[in-house]
Amino acid sequence: MSKPKIKVIDLRYREPGCTSHPAVLLNNFLKNLTESEALIRVSTEDIPIKVLEVFVDRYGFRISAKKEELGYVEVLISKA
């Protein structure tokens, strides 16, 4: 049996306007997430890792893996 596909959201590139701010997009993504796992890529300048942890925790997820690259972080989240 194959592993279920993980939902991915890449917030490293910003569109103009406040409704497309990575924090707003992340909040909407987490609010509507029905899968038990997801991969999030975000610029640490837009959303610091501590803030990302708060967002994830608010919706009942936890960070199960974290990879920091130059200027951005990639986290795997799963249901707590």
N, C-alpha and C. Protein backbone atom coordinates (compact mmCIF):
# COMPACT_ATOMS: atom_id res chain seq x y z
N MET A 1 0.84 -1.18 0.00
CA MET A 1 0.00 0.00 0.00
C MET A 1 0.89 1.25 0.00
N SER A 2 0.56 2.22 -0.82
CA SER A 2 1.38 3.43 -0.92
C SER A 2 1.02 4.41 0.20
N LYS A 3 2.02 5.21 0.54
CA LYS A 3 1.85 6.22 1.58
C LYS A 3 1.00 7.36 1.02
N PRO A 4 0.09 7.93 1.85
CA PRO A 4 -0.73 9.04 1.36
C PRO A 4 0.14 10.25 0.99
N LYS A 5 -0.31 11.00 0.00
CA LYS A 5 0.43 12.17 -0.46
C LYS A 5 0.36 13.27 0.60
N ILE A 6 1.50 13.91 0.85
CA ILE A 6 1.58 14.98 1.84
C ILE A 6 1.26 16.30 1.14
N LYS A 7 0.41 17.09 1.76
CA LYS A 7 0.06 18.41 1.23
C LYS A 7 1.23 19.36 1.48
N VAL A 8 1.57 20.17 0.48
CA VAL A 8 2.70 21.09 0.55
C VAL A 8 2.22 22.51 0.32
N ILE A 9 2.71 23.44 1.14
CA ILE A 9 2.46 24.87 0.91
C ILE A 9 3.81 25.58 0.93
N ASP A 10 4.06 26.34 -0.12
CA ASP A 10 5.31 27.07 -0.26
C ASP A 10 5.02 28.56 -0.15
N LEU A 11 5.43 29.16 0.96
CA LEU A 11 5.15 30.57 1.23
C LEU A 11 6.41 31.44 1.12
N ARG A 12 7.42 30.95 0.42
CA ARG A 12 8.68 31.69 0.32
C ARG A 12 8.58 32.92 -0.55
N TYR A 13 7.64 32.95 -1.49
CA TYR A 13 7.53 34.06 -2.42
C TYR A 13 6.26 34.83 -2.14
N ARG A 14 6.40 36.12 -1.91
CA ARG A 14 5.28 36.97 -1.50
C ARG A 14 4.66 37.69 -2.68
N GLU A 15 3.33 37.70 -2.70
CA GLU A 15 2.59 38.50 -3.66
C GLU A 15 2.29 39.85 -3.01
N PRO A 16 2.07 40.91 -3.79
CA PRO A 16 1.74 42.20 -3.19
C PRO A 16 0.36 42.16 -2.53
N GLY A 17 0.19 42.96 -1.47
CA GLY A 17 -1.09 43.04 -0.78
C GLY A 17 -1.05 42.34 0.56
N CYS A 18 -1.96 42.76 1.45
CA CYS A 18 -1.93 42.22 2.80
C CYS A 18 -2.63 40.86 2.91
N THR A 19 -3.59 40.56 2.03
CA THR A 19 -4.28 39.27 2.12
C THR A 19 -3.41 38.13 1.60
N SER A 20 -2.32 38.45 0.95
CA SER A 20 -1.42 37.41 0.47
C SER A 20 -0.16 37.34 1.33
N HIS A 21 -0.18 37.99 2.50
CA HIS A 21 0.96 37.89 3.41
C HIS A 21 1.08 36.43 3.86
N PRO A 22 2.29 35.90 3.97
CA PRO A 22 2.48 34.50 4.37
C PRO A 22 1.77 34.11 5.67
N ALA A 23 1.67 35.02 6.63
CA ALA A 23 0.98 34.69 7.89
C ALA A 23 -0.51 34.45 7.65
N VAL A 24 -1.13 35.25 6.79
CA VAL A 24 -2.54 35.08 6.46
C VAL A 24 -2.75 33.78 5.69
N LEU A 25 -1.89 33.53 4.71
CA LEU A 25 -1.99 32.31 3.91
C LEU A 25 -1.77 31.06 4.76
N LEU A 26 -0.80 31.12 5.68
CA LEU A 26 -0.54 29.98 6.56
C LEU A 26 -1.74 29.72 7.47
N ASN A 27 -2.31 30.77 8.03
CA ASN A 27 -3.47 30.62 8.90
C ASN A 27 -4.63 29.95 8.15
N ASN A 28 -4.90 30.41 6.93
CA ASN A 28 -5.97 29.81 6.12
C ASN A 28 -5.67 28.37 5.75
N PHE A 29 -4.42 28.08 5.42
CA PHE A 29 -4.00 26.72 5.08
C PHE A 29 -4.24 25.78 6.26
N LEU A 30 -3.78 26.17 7.44
CA LEU A 30 -3.91 25.32 8.62
C LEU A 30 -5.37 25.16 9.04
N LYS A 31 -6.15 26.21 8.89
CA LYS A 31 -7.57 26.17 9.26
C LYS A 31 -8.32 25.15 8.41
N ASN A 32 -7.94 25.02 7.15
CA ASN A 32 -8.65 24.14 6.22
C ASN A 32 -7.97 22.79 6.00
N LEU A 33 -6.87 22.53 6.69
CA LEU A 33 -6.11 21.30 6.49
C LEU A 33 -6.83 20.11 7.09
N THR A 34 -7.12 19.12 6.26
CA THR A 34 -7.80 17.91 6.74
C THR A 34 -6.85 16.72 6.84
N GLU A 35 -5.70 16.80 6.17
CA GLU A 35 -4.72 15.73 6.22
C GLU A 35 -4.03 15.73 7.58
N SER A 36 -3.41 14.61 7.92
CA SER A 36 -2.73 14.51 9.21
C SER A 36 -1.28 14.98 9.14
N GLU A 37 -0.77 15.21 7.92
CA GLU A 37 0.60 15.70 7.74
C GLU A 37 0.62 16.74 6.63
N ALA A 38 1.58 17.66 6.74
CA ALA A 38 1.77 18.67 5.69
C ALA A 38 3.20 19.18 5.75
N LEU A 39 3.67 19.70 4.63
CA LEU A 39 5.00 20.28 4.53
C LEU A 39 4.84 21.78 4.26
N ILE A 40 5.51 22.59 5.08
CA ILE A 40 5.42 24.05 4.96
C ILE A 40 6.80 24.61 4.69
N ARG A 41 6.90 25.44 3.65
CA ARG A 41 8.14 26.16 3.36
C ARG A 41 7.83 27.65 3.49
N VAL A 42 8.64 28.34 4.30
CA VAL A 42 8.37 29.75 4.55
C VAL A 42 9.67 30.49 4.82
N SER A 43 9.71 31.74 4.38
CA SER A 43 10.85 32.60 4.66
C SER A 43 10.85 32.95 6.14
N THR A 44 12.00 32.81 6.78
CA THR A 44 12.09 33.13 8.21
C THR A 44 12.01 34.64 8.44
N GLU A 45 12.17 35.43 7.39
CA GLU A 45 12.00 36.86 7.51
C GLU A 45 10.51 37.22 7.61
N ASP A 46 9.66 36.47 6.91
CA ASP A 46 8.21 36.70 6.95
C ASP A 46 7.57 36.10 8.20
N ILE A 47 7.94 34.86 8.53
CA ILE A 47 7.39 34.18 9.71
C ILE A 47 8.55 33.51 10.44
N PRO A 48 8.99 34.07 11.56
CA PRO A 48 10.06 33.43 12.34
C PRO A 48 9.62 32.05 12.84
N ILE A 49 10.57 31.18 13.09
CA ILE A 49 10.28 29.80 13.48
C ILE A 49 9.42 29.73 14.74
N LYS A 50 9.65 30.60 15.72
CA LYS A 50 8.84 30.59 16.95
C LYS A 50 7.38 30.92 16.65
N VAL A 51 7.15 31.86 15.74
CA VAL A 51 5.79 32.22 15.35
C VAL A 51 5.15 31.06 14.59
N LEU A 52 5.91 30.42 13.73
CA LEU A 52 5.43 29.25 13.00
C LEU A 52 4.97 28.16 13.96
N GLU A 53 5.76 27.94 15.02
CA GLU A 53 5.39 26.94 16.03
C GLU A 53 4.06 27.28 16.70
N VAL A 54 3.82 28.56 16.97
CA VAL A 54 2.57 28.99 17.59
C VAL A 54 1.39 28.73 16.65
N PHE A 55 1.54 29.08 15.38
CA PHE A 55 0.48 28.83 14.39
C PHE A 55 0.15 27.35 14.32
N VAL A 56 1.17 26.53 14.20
CA VAL A 56 0.99 25.09 14.05
C VAL A 56 0.30 24.50 15.29
N ASP A 57 0.75 24.91 16.46
CA ASP A 57 0.19 24.42 17.72
C ASP A 57 -1.28 24.82 17.87
N ARG A 58 -1.61 26.02 17.43
CA ARG A 58 -2.99 26.53 17.55
C ARG A 58 -3.99 25.60 16.86
N TYR A 59 -3.58 24.95 15.78
CA TYR A 59 -4.48 24.08 15.03
C TYR A 59 -4.28 22.59 15.34
N GLY A 60 -3.59 22.29 16.43
CA GLY A 60 -3.47 20.90 16.87
C GLY A 60 -2.40 20.09 16.16
N PHE A 61 -1.43 20.77 15.58
CA PHE A 61 -0.32 20.08 14.91
C PHE A 61 0.95 20.29 15.71
N ARG A 62 1.97 19.52 15.38
CA ARG A 62 3.29 19.72 15.97
C ARG A 62 4.32 19.59 14.85
N ILE A 63 5.45 20.22 15.05
CA ILE A 63 6.53 20.12 14.07
C ILE A 63 7.28 18.82 14.32
N SER A 64 7.26 17.93 13.35
CA SER A 64 7.92 16.63 13.52
C SER A 64 9.29 16.59 12.85
N ALA A 65 9.56 17.51 11.93
CA ALA A 65 10.89 17.60 11.30
C ALA A 65 11.09 19.03 10.83
N LYS A 66 12.33 19.50 10.93
CA LYS A 66 12.64 20.89 10.54
C LYS A 66 13.97 20.90 9.81
N LYS A 67 13.99 21.61 8.67
CA LYS A 67 15.23 21.78 7.90
C LYS A 67 15.37 23.25 7.58
N GLU A 68 16.45 23.86 8.07
CA GLU A 68 16.68 25.28 7.82
C GLU A 68 17.69 25.44 6.69
N GLU A 69 17.30 26.26 5.73
CA GLU A 69 18.16 26.60 4.61
C GLU A 69 18.45 28.09 4.70
N LEU A 70 19.21 28.60 3.76
CA LEU A 70 19.56 30.01 3.74
C LEU A 70 18.31 30.86 3.51
N GLY A 71 17.81 31.50 4.56
CA GLY A 71 16.68 32.41 4.45
C GLY A 71 15.30 31.80 4.57
N TYR A 72 15.21 30.48 4.61
CA TYR A 72 13.90 29.88 4.77
C TYR A 72 13.99 28.59 5.58
N VAL A 73 12.83 28.15 6.04
CA VAL A 73 12.75 26.92 6.81
C VAL A 73 11.68 26.02 6.16
N GLU A 74 11.92 24.72 6.23
CA GLU A 74 10.98 23.73 5.73
C GLU A 74 10.62 22.85 6.92
N VAL A 75 9.34 22.77 7.26
CA VAL A 75 8.91 21.96 8.39
C VAL A 75 7.86 20.96 7.95
N LEU A 76 7.96 19.78 8.53
CA LEU A 76 6.94 18.75 8.36
C LEU A 76 6.10 18.79 9.62
N ILE A 77 4.80 18.98 9.47
CA ILE A 77 3.93 19.01 10.63
C ILE A 77 3.03 17.78 10.62
N SER A 78 2.62 17.35 11.80
CA SER A 78 1.71 16.23 11.93
C SER A 78 0.76 16.48 13.09
N LYS A 79 -0.37 15.80 13.07
CA LYS A 79 -1.36 15.96 14.13
C LYS A 79 -0.73 15.57 15.46
N ALA A 80 -0.96 16.40 16.46
CA ALA A 80 -0.39 16.16 17.80
C ALA A 80 -1.11 15.04 18.50
